[in-house]
Amino acid sequence: MAGHKILVIDDSKVIRVRVQEMLPQGNFTVIEAKDGQEGLKFIVKERPNLIMLDFLLPKVTGWEVFQKIQSDSKLKKIPLVLMSGRKEEVTDKIPEPFNKHYFAFLEKPFEKKELTAAIKSAFDLAKRRPPEQVDAGSGGSSEEIQALQAQVKKMQAEIVALKKQMTQLVTIVKQKLK
């Protein structure tokens, strides 16, 4: 993992320094952000190999940063470790199990082995994330969009036919009831 960039977004200098101290020397470049706003700038500018995100942040919250990451197909491929000393704050917004959302959770305070396990888990989860589903709004290729449009047209024709059949059935039932 030599040369990997880790972005640590946490308003606590103690946590940012602690993460840096717990990582093997020389293997990582640690980029520190003190709030969500600064963190978002570094995510775009630095394109880190791993994001460690505190959930409770000033300016732009960890929840807002998480949502921004999840809404961008390139950013959501970056392994993510979500950190919080108040797990209930996270579970209020994101239901467990967290691995279903493809991020690792690290409860503060933490030890070196917990940090290492969370980082490994985040990389494993990022690898298992299924590829993006293409929809017309996500900039899919014109062939894919045309195929989807043809599918919609076919389904609309089927709906019209089903409505016609339903009308015929209703007419028959009414005649039988007379």
Protein backbone atom coordinates (compact mmCIF):
# COMPACT_ATOMS: atom_id res chain seq x y z
CA MET A 1 0.00 0.00 0.00
CA ALA A 2 3.01 2.28 -0.38
CA GLY A 3 2.16 5.73 -1.68
CA HIS A 4 -1.50 5.58 -0.76
CA LYS A 5 -3.27 8.76 0.28
CA ILE A 6 -5.51 8.60 3.31
CA LEU A 7 -7.83 11.52 3.92
CA VAL A 8 -8.77 11.87 7.59
CA ILE A 9 -11.74 14.22 8.02
CA ASP A 10 -12.19 14.91 11.73
CA ASP A 11 -12.61 18.08 13.75
CA SER A 12 -10.44 16.57 16.50
CA LYS A 13 -6.73 17.15 15.98
CA VAL A 14 -6.13 14.34 18.48
CA ILE A 15 -7.94 11.81 16.26
CA ARG A 16 -6.18 13.02 13.10
CA VAL A 17 -2.77 12.69 14.77
CA ARG A 18 -3.71 9.36 16.38
CA VAL A 19 -4.63 7.83 13.02
CA GLN A 20 -1.35 9.05 11.52
CA GLU A 21 0.65 7.62 14.44
CA MET A 22 -1.10 4.24 14.23
CA LEU A 23 -0.37 3.75 10.53
CA PRO A 24 2.92 2.12 9.45
CA GLN A 25 5.56 4.79 8.81
CA GLY A 26 6.33 5.61 5.20
CA ASN A 27 3.47 3.62 3.67
CA PHE A 28 0.82 6.32 3.64
CA THR A 29 0.43 9.99 2.97
CA VAL A 30 -2.11 11.30 5.45
CA ILE A 31 -4.10 14.34 4.44
CA GLU A 32 -5.96 16.07 7.27
CA ALA A 33 -9.23 17.99 7.04
CA LYS A 34 -10.67 19.72 10.13
CA ASP A 35 -14.28 19.92 8.88
CA GLY A 36 -16.60 18.55 6.20
CA GLN A 37 -16.21 21.54 3.92
CA GLU A 38 -12.42 21.18 3.82
CA GLY A 39 -12.83 17.40 3.51
CA LEU A 40 -14.98 17.69 0.39
CA LYS A 41 -12.39 19.97 -1.21
CA PHE A 42 -9.61 17.46 -0.48
CA ILE A 43 -11.67 14.53 -1.78
CA VAL A 44 -12.01 16.22 -5.16
CA LYS A 45 -8.49 17.72 -5.26
CA GLU A 46 -6.44 14.83 -3.85
CA ARG A 47 -8.48 11.76 -4.94
CA PRO A 48 -7.47 9.75 -1.86
CA ASN A 49 -7.23 5.96 -1.80
CA LEU A 50 -9.12 5.87 1.51
CA ILE A 51 -11.42 8.28 3.32
CA MET A 52 -11.76 8.25 7.10
CA LEU A 53 -14.80 10.37 7.92
CA ASP A 54 -16.03 11.57 11.30
CA PHE A 55 -19.83 11.66 11.33
CA LEU A 56 -20.21 14.73 13.55
CA LEU A 57 -18.42 17.67 11.93
CA PRO A 58 -18.74 21.46 11.83
CA LYS A 59 -19.66 23.47 8.69
CA VAL A 60 -20.60 20.47 6.52
CA THR A 61 -21.58 17.43 8.59
CA GLY A 62 -20.20 13.94 8.10
CA TRP A 63 -23.71 12.88 7.03
CA GLU A 64 -23.66 15.53 4.27
CA VAL A 65 -20.17 14.46 3.16
CA PHE A 66 -21.34 10.83 3.14
CA GLN A 67 -24.35 11.75 0.97
CA LYS A 68 -22.11 13.68 -1.43
CA ILE A 69 -19.76 10.70 -1.74
CA GLN A 70 -22.67 8.31 -2.32
CA SER A 71 -24.19 10.53 -5.02
CA ASP A 72 -21.02 10.55 -7.13
CA SER A 73 -20.21 7.31 -8.97
CA LYS A 74 -16.45 8.00 -8.90
CA LEU A 75 -16.27 9.03 -5.24
CA LYS A 76 -18.33 6.12 -3.95
CA LYS A 77 -15.66 3.71 -5.26
CA ILE A 78 -13.17 5.11 -2.71
CA PRO A 79 -12.95 2.88 0.39
CA LEU A 80 -14.63 4.62 3.34
CA VAL A 81 -14.28 4.28 7.10
CA LEU A 82 -16.99 6.17 8.96
CA MET A 83 -16.00 7.10 12.53
CA SER A 84 -18.05 8.24 15.48
CA GLY A 85 -18.03 8.18 19.25
CA ARG A 86 -21.85 8.18 19.09
CA LYS A 87 -22.93 5.21 17.00
CA GLU A 88 -26.62 6.04 17.54
CA GLU A 89 -26.11 9.29 15.57
CA VAL A 90 -24.99 7.18 12.61
CA THR A 91 -27.71 4.53 12.92
CA ASP A 92 -30.36 7.28 13.01
CA LYS A 93 -29.36 8.20 9.44
CA ILE A 94 -27.91 4.95 8.06
CA PRO A 95 -29.45 1.62 9.07
CA GLU A 96 -27.23 -1.30 10.05
CA PRO A 97 -25.65 -3.50 8.82
CA PHE A 98 -23.23 -0.88 7.58
CA ASN A 99 -21.46 -3.26 5.19
CA LYS A 100 -24.69 -3.23 3.15
CA HIS A 101 -23.82 0.40 2.42
CA TYR A 102 -20.20 -0.54 1.55
CA PHE A 103 -18.35 1.28 4.31
CA ALA A 104 -16.59 0.19 7.48
CA PHE A 105 -17.57 1.68 10.84
CA LEU A 106 -15.02 2.53 13.53
CA GLU A 107 -16.27 3.51 16.96
CA LYS A 108 -14.20 6.07 18.85
CA PRO A 109 -12.08 5.71 20.86
CA PHE A 110 -10.22 2.95 18.99
CA GLU A 111 -6.99 1.02 19.16
CA LYS A 112 -4.48 0.28 16.40
CA LYS A 113 -5.85 -3.22 15.67
CA GLU A 114 -9.41 -1.83 15.34
CA LEU A 115 -8.16 0.88 12.97
CA THR A 116 -6.28 -1.68 10.86
CA ALA A 117 -9.32 -4.00 10.74
CA ALA A 118 -11.60 -1.12 9.70
CA ILE A 119 -9.24 -0.08 6.92
CA LYS A 120 -8.98 -3.65 5.60
CA SER A 121 -12.75 -3.99 5.78
CA ALA A 122 -13.25 -0.71 3.88
CA PHE A 123 -11.00 -1.92 1.06
CA ASP A 124 -12.77 -5.31 0.92
CA LEU A 125 -16.20 -3.65 0.85
CA ALA A 126 -15.12 -1.23 -1.89
CA LYS A 127 -14.01 -4.20 -4.03
CA ARG A 128 -17.38 -5.93 -3.50
CA ARG A 129 -19.45 -2.88 -4.43
CA PRO A 130 -21.50 -3.79 -7.51
CA PRO A 131 -20.98 -1.73 -10.66
CA GLU A 132 -23.18 1.31 -11.16
CA GLN A 133 -26.59 0.78 -12.68
CA VAL A 134 -27.05 2.98 -15.71
CA ASP A 135 -30.04 5.26 -15.94
CA ALA A 136 -30.85 8.08 -18.33
CA GLY A 137 -29.82 10.70 -15.76
CA SER A 138 -26.38 9.26 -15.09
CA GLY A 139 -24.89 9.93 -18.50
CA GLY A 140 -25.21 6.40 -19.89
CA SER A 141 -24.21 5.73 -23.49
CA SER A 142 -26.68 6.64 -26.22
CA GLU A 143 -27.15 2.94 -27.08
CA GLU A 144 -28.11 2.18 -23.48
CA ILE A 145 -30.51 5.11 -23.37
CA GLN A 146 -32.09 4.09 -26.68
CA ALA A 147 -32.48 0.50 -25.40
CA LEU A 148 -34.17 1.79 -22.24
CA GLN A 149 -36.44 4.08 -24.25
CA ALA A 150 -37.45 1.14 -26.49
CA GLN A 151 -38.19 -0.90 -23.37
CA VAL A 152 -40.38 1.91 -21.98
CA LYS A 153 -42.26 2.18 -25.29
CA LYS A 154 -42.89 -1.58 -25.29
CA MET A 155 -44.12 -1.47 -21.68
CA GLN A 156 -46.44 1.45 -22.48
CA ALA A 157 -47.97 -0.56 -25.36
CA GLU A 158 -48.47 -3.52 -23.00
CA ILE A 159 -50.20 -1.24 -20.48
CA VAL A 160 -52.59 0.04 -23.16
CA ALA A 161 -53.40 -3.56 -24.15
CA LEU A 162 -53.98 -4.54 -20.51
CA LYS A 163 -56.31 -1.58 -19.98
CA LYS A 164 -58.29 -2.62 -23.06
CA GLN A 165 -58.56 -6.19 -21.74
CA MET A 166 -59.64 -4.92 -18.32
CA THR A 167 -62.39 -2.81 -19.92
CA GLN A 168 -63.60 -5.87 -21.83
CA LEU A 169 -63.63 -7.95 -18.63
CA VAL A 170 -65.60 -5.30 -16.76
CA THR A 171 -68.16 -5.20 -19.60
CA ILE A 172 -68.55 -9.00 -19.53
CA VAL A 173 -68.95 -9.06 -15.73
CA LYS A 174 -71.58 -6.30 -15.91
CA GLN A 175 -73.53 -8.23 -18.55
CA LYS A 176 -73.45 -11.41 -16.44
CA LEU A 177 -74.73 -9.54 -13.39
CA LYS A 178 -77.84 -8.22 -15.25
